[in-house]
Amino acid sequence: MPNPEELARDMVLEAKALPAFPDNAAQALSPEVVALASLHLSRLIRCGSANAENS
């Protein structure tokens, strides 16, 4: 089964479907949001590791 990236790369749209495509397309996260999520996840992991070591 092809992965979603391969399917998205090879897509062909009919002219009637083109105006609705952006509304139905997957949302992409901005680099700032990804960086913020990464920061919080790394802190959560570090806190979890410290709590596990102290138990």
Protein backbone atom coordinates (compact mmCIF):
# COMPACT_ATOMS: atom_id res chain seq x y z
CA MET A 1 0.00 0.00 0.00
CA PRO A 2 1.49 3.39 -0.95
CA ASN A 3 2.13 5.87 1.83
CA PRO A 4 0.16 9.17 1.94
CA GLU A 5 3.14 11.20 0.73
CA GLU A 6 3.30 9.18 -2.48
CA LEU A 7 -0.44 9.56 -3.00
CA ALA A 8 -0.30 13.33 -2.47
CA ARG A 9 2.61 13.70 -4.86
CA ASP A 10 0.83 11.91 -7.71
CA MET A 11 -2.62 13.49 -7.33
CA VAL A 12 -4.55 14.89 -10.27
CA LEU A 13 -7.52 17.19 -9.66
CA GLU A 14 -10.44 17.88 -11.91
CA ALA A 15 -11.08 21.56 -12.59
CA LYS A 16 -14.36 21.44 -10.63
CA ALA A 17 -12.56 20.09 -7.53
CA LEU A 18 -9.78 22.67 -7.52
CA PRO A 19 -11.58 25.47 -5.58
CA ALA A 20 -12.45 23.10 -2.69
CA PHE A 21 -8.99 21.51 -2.49
CA PRO A 22 -7.37 24.03 -0.09
CA ASP A 23 -10.29 23.69 2.34
CA ASN A 24 -9.89 19.90 2.42
CA ALA A 25 -6.08 19.74 2.33
CA ALA A 26 -4.13 18.74 5.41
CA GLN A 27 -2.98 21.58 7.64
CA ALA A 28 0.76 22.18 7.91
CA LEU A 29 2.37 23.40 11.11
CA SER A 30 4.58 26.45 11.03
CA PRO A 31 8.22 26.07 12.11
CA GLU A 32 7.48 28.19 15.18
CA VAL A 33 4.71 25.84 16.34
CA VAL A 34 6.92 22.80 15.77
CA ALA A 35 9.75 24.40 17.77
CA LEU A 36 7.40 25.24 20.64
CA ALA A 37 5.98 21.71 20.72
CA SER A 38 9.51 20.28 20.62
CA LEU A 39 10.57 22.44 23.55
CA HIS A 40 7.63 21.39 25.70
CA LEU A 41 7.97 17.72 24.82
CA SER A 42 11.68 17.72 25.66
CA ARG A 43 10.93 19.33 29.03
CA LEU A 44 8.21 16.77 29.72
CA ILE A 45 10.59 13.93 28.89
CA ARG A 46 13.33 15.37 31.09
CA CYS A 47 10.94 15.83 34.02
CA GLY A 48 9.65 12.29 33.58
CA SER A 49 13.20 10.93 33.51
CA ALA A 50 14.17 12.83 36.65
CA ASN A 51 11.07 11.62 38.48
CA ALA A 52 11.75 8.01 37.48
CA GLU A 53 15.37 8.21 38.72
CA ASN A 54 14.26 9.63 42.09
CA SER A 55 11.72 6.86 42.69
